[in-house]
Amino acid sequence: MKKLSMLFALMCMMIFPMIQLQAQEQGVAENDIVGIWINEETQDTLSIYKLGDNFFGKIDELKEPNDSNGNPRTDINNPDPKLRMRLLKGLTFLTGCEFDHDEWDNGSYYNYVTGETNNCKIKIPDVNNKNRLSIKTFSATSSGKTTYWTKKKTN
């Protein structure tokens, strides 16, 4: 009986780390959001990068890069008139997101289409498909809006 107990304990010691490793492989990792993404709503190309312990996002390419006059698009919807002439391309719109287990939150999201800045929470809705993000923006007075981004395929 003692040998059987020892054998069982040994098998558990061998199997448990494999189960843990498999769970980690199937979960969400901190840097899973780093990369180039396509906003499914606007079709703009956006980059998420890590700086220190936080994650940020900037506009890489706009589906419609120019305004009706053929000039590069600027931040015309910004509530601050002094910022309305800044170019959208290269604009940092996502700041300060922190990874917390399976999501990124505590960040700020500037919606360059509406000119609104809100809190945001980013998730990978399906851990088996890490090529899609959900970005929920919300404020103290609104339940928010969720948009989806797809990871850009690289050659």
N, C-alpha and C. Protein backbone atom coordinates (compact mmCIF):
# COMPACT_ATOMS: atom_id res chain seq x y z
N MET A 1 0.83 -1.20 0.00
CA MET A 1 0.00 0.00 0.00
C MET A 1 0.87 1.25 0.00
N LYS A 2 1.98 1.23 0.74
CA LYS A 2 2.86 2.38 0.82
C LYS A 2 3.49 2.65 -0.56
N LYS A 3 3.85 1.57 -1.28
CA LYS A 3 4.43 1.73 -2.61
C LYS A 3 3.40 2.34 -3.57
N LEU A 4 2.15 1.93 -3.44
CA LEU A 4 1.10 2.45 -4.28
C LEU A 4 0.89 3.94 -4.03
N SER A 5 0.94 4.36 -2.76
CA SER A 5 0.79 5.77 -2.41
C SER A 5 1.95 6.58 -2.96
N MET A 6 3.16 6.04 -2.87
CA MET A 6 4.33 6.75 -3.37
C MET A 6 4.25 6.87 -4.90
N LEU A 7 3.79 5.81 -5.55
CA LEU A 7 3.65 5.83 -7.00
C LEU A 7 2.62 6.88 -7.41
N PHE A 8 1.51 6.95 -6.69
CA PHE A 8 0.48 7.93 -6.97
C PHE A 8 1.03 9.35 -6.78
N ALA A 9 1.75 9.58 -5.71
CA ALA A 9 2.34 10.90 -5.44
C ALA A 9 3.33 11.29 -6.53
N LEU A 10 4.14 10.35 -6.98
CA LEU A 10 5.10 10.60 -8.04
C LEU A 10 4.40 10.95 -9.34
N MET A 11 3.34 10.23 -9.65
CA MET A 11 2.58 10.52 -10.88
C MET A 11 1.95 11.91 -10.80
N CYS A 12 1.43 12.28 -9.65
CA CYS A 12 0.83 13.62 -9.48
C CYS A 12 1.88 14.71 -9.67
N MET A 13 3.08 14.47 -9.14
CA MET A 13 4.15 15.46 -9.27
C MET A 13 4.55 15.62 -10.74
N MET A 14 4.43 14.58 -11.52
CA MET A 14 4.80 14.66 -12.93
C MET A 14 3.68 15.28 -13.77
N ILE A 15 2.43 14.97 -13.46
CA ILE A 15 1.30 15.41 -14.26
C ILE A 15 0.93 16.86 -13.95
N PHE A 16 0.96 17.27 -12.68
CA PHE A 16 0.53 18.61 -12.30
C PHE A 16 1.30 19.71 -13.04
N PRO A 17 2.62 19.65 -13.14
CA PRO A 17 3.32 20.70 -13.90
C PRO A 17 2.92 20.73 -15.37
N MET A 18 2.62 19.57 -15.95
CA MET A 18 2.20 19.55 -17.35
C MET A 18 0.84 20.22 -17.51
N ILE A 19 -0.06 20.02 -16.56
CA ILE A 19 -1.37 20.66 -16.60
C ILE A 19 -1.22 22.16 -16.47
N GLN A 20 -0.35 22.61 -15.56
CA GLN A 20 -0.11 24.04 -15.38
C GLN A 20 0.46 24.65 -16.65
N LEU A 21 1.42 24.00 -17.27
CA LEU A 21 2.04 24.49 -18.49
C LEU A 21 1.01 24.60 -19.60
N GLN A 22 0.14 23.61 -19.73
CA GLN A 22 -0.89 23.64 -20.75
C GLN A 22 -1.85 24.80 -20.49
N ALA A 23 -2.22 25.04 -19.24
CA ALA A 23 -3.12 26.14 -18.92
C ALA A 23 -2.47 27.48 -19.25
N GLN A 24 -1.17 27.63 -18.99
CA GLN A 24 -0.48 28.87 -19.31
C GLN A 24 -0.43 29.07 -20.81
N GLU A 25 -0.22 28.02 -21.57
CA GLU A 25 -0.15 28.13 -23.02
C GLU A 25 -1.50 28.54 -23.60
N GLN A 26 -2.59 28.14 -22.98
CA GLN A 26 -3.91 28.45 -23.48
C GLN A 26 -4.41 29.80 -22.99
N GLY A 27 -3.77 30.39 -21.99
CA GLY A 27 -4.22 31.65 -21.42
C GLY A 27 -3.74 32.84 -22.22
N VAL A 28 -3.91 34.00 -21.63
CA VAL A 28 -3.53 35.26 -22.23
C VAL A 28 -2.22 35.72 -21.62
N ALA A 29 -1.27 36.09 -22.45
CA ALA A 29 0.02 36.60 -21.98
C ALA A 29 0.04 38.12 -22.10
N GLU A 30 0.84 38.74 -21.26
CA GLU A 30 0.89 40.19 -21.17
C GLU A 30 1.12 40.88 -22.51
N ASN A 31 2.02 40.35 -23.33
CA ASN A 31 2.38 41.02 -24.59
C ASN A 31 1.54 40.57 -25.79
N ASP A 32 0.45 39.83 -25.55
CA ASP A 32 -0.39 39.36 -26.66
C ASP A 32 -1.02 40.51 -27.46
N ILE A 33 -1.16 41.69 -26.86
CA ILE A 33 -1.79 42.79 -27.60
C ILE A 33 -0.77 43.62 -28.39
N VAL A 34 0.52 43.38 -28.16
CA VAL A 34 1.53 44.14 -28.88
C VAL A 34 1.52 43.75 -30.35
N GLY A 35 1.47 44.74 -31.23
CA GLY A 35 1.48 44.46 -32.66
C GLY A 35 0.68 45.47 -33.44
N ILE A 36 0.43 45.13 -34.68
CA ILE A 36 -0.30 46.00 -35.60
C ILE A 36 -1.69 45.41 -35.80
N TRP A 37 -2.70 46.27 -35.66
CA TRP A 37 -4.10 45.84 -35.68
C TRP A 37 -4.90 46.68 -36.67
N ILE A 38 -5.99 46.10 -37.16
CA ILE A 38 -6.94 46.80 -38.02
C ILE A 38 -8.23 47.00 -37.23
N ASN A 39 -8.66 48.24 -37.09
CA ASN A 39 -9.93 48.53 -36.45
C ASN A 39 -11.03 48.08 -37.41
N GLU A 40 -11.86 47.13 -36.98
CA GLU A 40 -12.89 46.56 -37.86
C GLU A 40 -13.95 47.59 -38.26
N GLU A 41 -14.10 48.63 -37.46
CA GLU A 41 -15.11 49.65 -37.74
C GLU A 41 -14.60 50.70 -38.74
N THR A 42 -13.40 51.22 -38.51
CA THR A 42 -12.87 52.30 -39.35
C THR A 42 -11.91 51.80 -40.44
N GLN A 43 -11.41 50.58 -40.28
CA GLN A 43 -10.40 50.00 -41.16
C GLN A 43 -9.05 50.72 -41.08
N ASP A 44 -8.85 51.52 -40.04
CA ASP A 44 -7.56 52.16 -39.81
C ASP A 44 -6.58 51.15 -39.22
N THR A 45 -5.29 51.35 -39.48
CA THR A 45 -4.24 50.48 -38.98
C THR A 45 -3.62 51.14 -37.74
N LEU A 46 -3.58 50.39 -36.65
CA LEU A 46 -3.15 50.91 -35.36
C LEU A 46 -2.08 50.01 -34.76
N SER A 47 -1.14 50.59 -34.04
CA SER A 47 -0.10 49.81 -33.37
C SER A 47 -0.26 49.91 -31.87
N ILE A 48 -0.11 48.77 -31.21
CA ILE A 48 -0.04 48.77 -29.75
C ILE A 48 1.37 48.35 -29.37
N TYR A 49 1.97 49.10 -28.45
CA TYR A 49 3.33 48.83 -28.00
C TYR A 49 3.41 48.99 -26.49
N LYS A 50 4.45 48.43 -25.93
CA LYS A 50 4.66 48.49 -24.48
C LYS A 50 5.80 49.46 -24.19
N LEU A 51 5.58 50.31 -23.21
CA LEU A 51 6.59 51.24 -22.75
C LEU A 51 6.58 51.18 -21.22
N GLY A 52 7.66 50.66 -20.65
CA GLY A 52 7.68 50.43 -19.21
C GLY A 52 6.71 49.32 -18.87
N ASP A 53 5.82 49.57 -17.92
CA ASP A 53 4.82 48.58 -17.53
C ASP A 53 3.47 48.81 -18.20
N ASN A 54 3.37 49.83 -19.04
CA ASN A 54 2.09 50.20 -19.64
C ASN A 54 2.08 49.99 -21.15
N PHE A 55 0.87 49.94 -21.70
CA PHE A 55 0.68 49.74 -23.12
C PHE A 55 0.06 51.00 -23.73
N PHE A 56 0.49 51.31 -24.94
CA PHE A 56 0.06 52.51 -25.64
C PHE A 56 -0.31 52.14 -27.07
N GLY A 57 -1.08 53.01 -27.71
CA GLY A 57 -1.45 52.77 -29.10
C GLY A 57 -1.34 54.04 -29.91
N LYS A 58 -0.94 53.87 -31.18
CA LYS A 58 -0.84 55.02 -32.08
C LYS A 58 -1.43 54.65 -33.44
N ILE A 59 -1.78 55.67 -34.19
CA ILE A 59 -2.35 55.47 -35.51
C ILE A 59 -1.21 55.33 -36.51
N ASP A 60 -1.18 54.19 -37.22
CA ASP A 60 -0.16 53.97 -38.24
C ASP A 60 -0.62 54.45 -39.61
N GLU A 61 -1.80 54.01 -40.01
CA GLU A 61 -2.35 54.37 -41.33
C GLU A 61 -3.85 54.57 -41.20
N LEU A 62 -4.35 55.53 -41.92
CA LEU A 62 -5.78 55.79 -41.97
C LEU A 62 -6.34 55.27 -43.28
N LYS A 63 -7.52 54.68 -43.24
CA LYS A 63 -8.15 54.20 -44.47
C LYS A 63 -8.36 55.38 -45.42
N GLU A 64 -8.77 56.50 -44.83
CA GLU A 64 -8.92 57.74 -45.59
C GLU A 64 -7.90 58.74 -45.02
N PRO A 65 -6.69 58.75 -45.58
CA PRO A 65 -5.63 59.58 -45.00
C PRO A 65 -5.79 61.08 -45.23
N ASN A 66 -6.57 61.45 -46.24
CA ASN A 66 -6.70 62.87 -46.57
C ASN A 66 -8.13 63.36 -46.38
N ASP A 67 -8.25 64.65 -46.10
CA ASP A 67 -9.57 65.27 -45.97
C ASP A 67 -10.13 65.57 -47.36
N SER A 68 -11.27 66.22 -47.41
CA SER A 68 -11.94 66.50 -48.69
C SER A 68 -11.14 67.45 -49.58
N ASN A 69 -10.19 68.17 -48.99
CA ASN A 69 -9.34 69.08 -49.77
C ASN A 69 -8.03 68.42 -50.21
N GLY A 70 -7.86 67.15 -49.87
CA GLY A 70 -6.64 66.44 -50.25
C GLY A 70 -5.49 66.62 -49.27
N ASN A 71 -5.75 67.27 -48.14
CA ASN A 71 -4.72 67.46 -47.11
C ASN A 71 -4.74 66.32 -46.11
N PRO A 72 -3.59 66.00 -45.49
CA PRO A 72 -3.57 64.96 -44.46
C PRO A 72 -4.59 65.30 -43.36
N ARG A 73 -5.33 64.28 -42.93
CA ARG A 73 -6.37 64.48 -41.91
C ARG A 73 -5.76 64.94 -40.59
N THR A 74 -6.46 65.86 -39.95
CA THR A 74 -6.04 66.38 -38.65
C THR A 74 -7.12 66.07 -37.61
N ASP A 75 -6.83 66.38 -36.38
CA ASP A 75 -7.68 66.05 -35.23
C ASP A 75 -8.80 67.08 -35.09
N ILE A 76 -9.62 67.24 -36.13
CA ILE A 76 -10.61 68.32 -36.18
C ILE A 76 -11.71 68.21 -35.12
N ASN A 77 -11.93 67.03 -34.56
CA ASN A 77 -12.99 66.85 -33.56
C ASN A 77 -12.49 67.00 -32.13
N ASN A 78 -11.23 67.36 -31.96
CA ASN A 78 -10.69 67.51 -30.61
C ASN A 78 -11.38 68.67 -29.91
N PRO A 79 -11.80 68.48 -28.64
CA PRO A 79 -12.46 69.57 -27.92
C PRO A 79 -11.53 70.76 -27.65
N ASP A 80 -10.22 70.53 -27.71
CA ASP A 80 -9.26 71.62 -27.51
C ASP A 80 -8.90 72.21 -28.88
N PRO A 81 -9.34 73.43 -29.16
CA PRO A 81 -9.07 74.03 -30.47
C PRO A 81 -7.58 74.07 -30.84
N LYS A 82 -6.70 74.16 -29.86
CA LYS A 82 -5.26 74.21 -30.13
C LYS A 82 -4.73 72.89 -30.68
N LEU A 83 -5.45 71.77 -30.46
CA LEU A 83 -4.99 70.46 -30.91
C LEU A 83 -5.63 70.02 -32.23
N ARG A 84 -6.52 70.81 -32.77
CA ARG A 84 -7.26 70.40 -33.98
C ARG A 84 -6.41 70.34 -35.24
N MET A 85 -5.25 70.95 -35.23
CA MET A 85 -4.39 70.94 -36.42
C MET A 85 -3.36 69.80 -36.38
N ARG A 86 -3.29 69.05 -35.28
CA ARG A 86 -2.30 67.97 -35.24
C ARG A 86 -2.74 66.84 -36.16
N LEU A 87 -1.75 66.23 -36.80
CA LEU A 87 -2.02 65.14 -37.74
C LEU A 87 -2.53 63.91 -37.00
N LEU A 88 -3.49 63.21 -37.62
CA LEU A 88 -3.98 61.97 -37.03
C LEU A 88 -2.95 60.85 -37.18
N LYS A 89 -2.29 60.79 -38.32
CA LYS A 89 -1.29 59.74 -38.53
C LYS A 89 -0.15 59.95 -37.52
N GLY A 90 0.12 58.90 -36.74
CA GLY A 90 1.14 58.96 -35.71
C GLY A 90 0.63 59.37 -34.35
N LEU A 91 -0.64 59.76 -34.27
CA LEU A 91 -1.23 60.22 -33.02
C LEU A 91 -1.35 59.08 -32.00
N THR A 92 -0.92 59.34 -30.77
CA THR A 92 -1.11 58.38 -29.69
C THR A 92 -2.52 58.55 -29.15
N PHE A 93 -3.32 57.50 -29.24
CA PHE A 93 -4.72 57.56 -28.83
C PHE A 93 -5.02 56.66 -27.63
N LEU A 94 -4.10 55.75 -27.32
CA LEU A 94 -4.28 54.80 -26.21
C LEU A 94 -3.10 54.98 -25.27
N THR A 95 -3.39 55.24 -24.00
CA THR A 95 -2.32 55.48 -23.04
C THR A 95 -2.58 54.75 -21.73
N GLY A 96 -1.50 54.29 -21.12
CA GLY A 96 -1.51 53.81 -19.75
C GLY A 96 -2.22 52.52 -19.44
N CYS A 97 -2.49 51.66 -20.42
CA CYS A 97 -3.15 50.39 -20.12
C CYS A 97 -2.20 49.47 -19.35
N GLU A 98 -2.74 48.78 -18.37
CA GLU A 98 -1.97 47.86 -17.55
C GLU A 98 -2.54 46.46 -17.69
N PHE A 99 -1.64 45.48 -17.74
CA PHE A 99 -2.08 44.08 -17.83
C PHE A 99 -2.48 43.60 -16.45
N ASP A 100 -3.65 42.95 -16.37
CA ASP A 100 -4.15 42.40 -15.11
C ASP A 100 -4.79 41.05 -15.40
N HIS A 101 -4.02 39.99 -15.24
CA HIS A 101 -4.44 38.60 -15.46
C HIS A 101 -4.80 38.30 -16.91
N ASP A 102 -6.02 38.64 -17.33
CA ASP A 102 -6.44 38.28 -18.68
C ASP A 102 -6.98 39.47 -19.46
N GLU A 103 -6.69 40.69 -18.98
CA GLU A 103 -7.16 41.88 -19.66
C GLU A 103 -6.22 43.05 -19.40
N TRP A 104 -6.41 44.10 -20.16
CA TRP A 104 -5.62 45.31 -20.02
C TRP A 104 -6.60 46.42 -19.69
N ASP A 105 -6.37 47.09 -18.55
CA ASP A 105 -7.30 48.15 -18.17
C ASP A 105 -6.57 49.33 -17.54
N ASN A 106 -7.33 50.23 -16.94
CA ASN A 106 -6.82 51.47 -16.34
C ASN A 106 -6.23 52.41 -17.37
N GLY A 107 -6.55 52.18 -18.64
CA GLY A 107 -6.02 53.03 -19.69
C GLY A 107 -7.00 54.11 -20.10
N SER A 108 -6.50 54.99 -20.94
CA SER A 108 -7.29 56.08 -21.49
C SER A 108 -7.30 55.93 -23.01
N TYR A 109 -8.47 56.10 -23.62
CA TYR A 109 -8.66 55.91 -25.05
C TYR A 109 -9.24 57.18 -25.64
N TYR A 110 -8.48 57.79 -26.54
CA TYR A 110 -8.97 58.98 -27.24
C TYR A 110 -9.57 58.54 -28.57
N ASN A 111 -10.86 58.77 -28.74
CA ASN A 111 -11.54 58.43 -29.98
C ASN A 111 -11.37 59.61 -30.94
N TYR A 112 -10.47 59.46 -31.89
CA TYR A 112 -10.15 60.55 -32.81
C TYR A 112 -11.26 60.82 -33.81
N VAL A 113 -12.26 59.93 -33.88
CA VAL A 113 -13.41 60.16 -34.75
C VAL A 113 -14.39 61.11 -34.07
N THR A 114 -14.61 60.93 -32.76
CA THR A 114 -15.59 61.75 -32.03
C THR A 114 -14.95 62.86 -31.19
N GLY A 115 -13.67 62.73 -30.90
CA GLY A 115 -13.00 63.72 -30.04
C GLY A 115 -13.18 63.45 -28.56
N GLU A 116 -13.73 62.28 -28.21
CA GLU A 116 -13.97 61.95 -26.79
C GLU A 116 -12.82 61.12 -26.23
N THR A 117 -12.51 61.37 -24.97
CA THR A 117 -11.53 60.56 -24.24
C THR A 117 -12.27 59.80 -23.14
N ASN A 118 -12.08 58.48 -23.10
CA ASN A 118 -12.76 57.64 -22.12
C ASN A 118 -11.79 56.63 -21.52
N ASN A 119 -12.26 55.97 -20.48
CA ASN A 119 -11.53 54.83 -19.93
C ASN A 119 -11.67 53.68 -20.92
N CYS A 120 -10.76 52.71 -20.82
CA CYS A 120 -10.90 51.57 -21.71
C CYS A 120 -10.44 50.28 -21.04
N LYS A 121 -10.95 49.19 -21.59
CA LYS A 121 -10.58 47.85 -21.16
C LYS A 121 -10.42 47.02 -22.43
N ILE A 122 -9.28 46.33 -22.54
CA ILE A 122 -9.00 45.52 -23.73
C ILE A 122 -8.97 44.05 -23.33
N LYS A 123 -9.60 43.24 -24.14
CA LYS A 123 -9.62 41.79 -23.90
C LYS A 123 -9.39 41.04 -25.19
N ILE A 124 -8.92 39.82 -25.05
CA ILE A 124 -8.90 38.88 -26.15
C ILE A 124 -10.10 37.98 -25.92
N PRO A 125 -11.17 38.15 -26.72
CA PRO A 125 -12.42 37.44 -26.43
C PRO A 125 -12.33 35.93 -26.51
N ASP A 126 -11.41 35.43 -27.32
CA ASP A 126 -11.27 33.98 -27.50
C ASP A 126 -9.78 33.64 -27.40
N VAL A 127 -9.37 33.01 -26.29
CA VAL A 127 -7.95 32.71 -26.09
C VAL A 127 -7.41 31.75 -27.14
N ASN A 128 -8.29 31.09 -27.88
CA ASN A 128 -7.85 30.22 -28.96
C ASN A 128 -7.63 30.99 -30.26
N ASN A 129 -7.99 32.27 -30.26
CA ASN A 129 -7.78 33.14 -31.42
C ASN A 129 -7.24 34.48 -30.91
N LYS A 130 -5.96 34.57 -30.77
CA LYS A 130 -5.34 35.78 -30.23
C LYS A 130 -5.13 36.84 -31.31
N ASN A 131 -5.81 36.69 -32.44
CA ASN A 131 -5.72 37.65 -33.53
C ASN A 131 -6.90 38.61 -33.55
N ARG A 132 -7.64 38.67 -32.44
CA ARG A 132 -8.79 39.58 -32.35
C ARG A 132 -8.87 40.15 -30.95
N LEU A 133 -9.07 41.47 -30.88
CA LEU A 133 -9.21 42.17 -29.61
C LEU A 133 -10.59 42.79 -29.51
N SER A 134 -11.08 42.90 -28.28
CA SER A 134 -12.26 43.73 -28.03
C SER A 134 -11.80 44.91 -27.18
N ILE A 135 -12.21 46.09 -27.57
CA ILE A 135 -11.84 47.31 -26.86
C ILE A 135 -13.13 47.96 -26.40
N LYS A 136 -13.31 47.99 -25.09
CA LYS A 136 -14.51 48.62 -24.54
C LYS A 136 -14.11 49.97 -23.97
N THR A 137 -14.78 51.02 -24.44
CA THR A 137 -14.55 52.35 -23.90
C THR A 137 -15.77 52.74 -23.09
N PHE A 138 -15.54 53.44 -21.98
CA PHE A 138 -16.64 53.80 -21.10
C PHE A 138 -16.23 54.99 -20.24
N SER A 139 -17.23 55.63 -19.68
CA SER A 139 -16.99 56.75 -18.76
C SER A 139 -17.83 56.54 -17.52
N ALA A 140 -17.72 57.46 -16.59
CA ALA A 140 -18.49 57.36 -15.36
C ALA A 140 -19.98 57.46 -15.63
N THR A 141 -20.35 58.11 -16.73
CA THR A 141 -21.77 58.32 -17.03
C THR A 141 -22.30 57.44 -18.16
N SER A 142 -21.44 56.64 -18.79
CA SER A 142 -21.93 55.80 -19.89
C SER A 142 -21.40 54.38 -19.75
N SER A 143 -22.23 53.43 -20.19
CA SER A 143 -21.82 52.03 -20.11
C SER A 143 -20.83 51.66 -21.20
N GLY A 144 -20.71 52.53 -22.20
CA GLY A 144 -19.65 52.37 -23.17
C GLY A 144 -20.02 51.70 -24.47
N LYS A 145 -18.96 51.52 -25.26
CA LYS A 145 -19.08 50.94 -26.58
C LYS A 145 -17.92 49.97 -26.76
N THR A 146 -18.19 48.86 -27.45
CA THR A 146 -17.13 47.89 -27.72
C THR A 146 -16.86 47.85 -29.22
N THR A 147 -15.58 47.94 -29.56
CA THR A 147 -15.16 47.77 -30.95
C THR A 147 -14.20 46.59 -31.00
N TYR A 148 -13.98 46.09 -32.20
CA TYR A 148 -13.10 44.92 -32.37
C TYR A 148 -12.00 45.26 -33.35
N TRP A 149 -10.84 44.71 -33.08
CA TRP A 149 -9.68 44.88 -33.95
C TRP A 149 -9.16 43.50 -34.32
N THR A 150 -8.64 43.38 -35.54
CA THR A 150 -8.06 42.13 -36.03
C THR A 150 -6.58 42.36 -36.27
N LYS A 151 -5.77 41.39 -35.84
CA LYS A 151 -4.32 41.51 -36.03
C LYS A 151 -4.00 41.51 -37.52
N LYS A 152 -3.14 42.45 -37.91
CA LYS A 152 -2.75 42.55 -39.31
C LYS A 152 -1.79 41.40 -39.65
N LYS A 153 -2.08 40.78 -40.76
CA LYS A 153 -1.21 39.69 -41.21
C LYS A 153 0.07 40.28 -41.76
N THR A 154 1.20 39.71 -41.37
CA THR A 154 2.48 40.18 -41.88
C THR A 154 3.01 39.17 -42.89
N ASN A 155 3.78 39.65 -43.83
CA ASN A 155 4.31 38.78 -44.88
C ASN A 155 5.45 37.95 -44.38
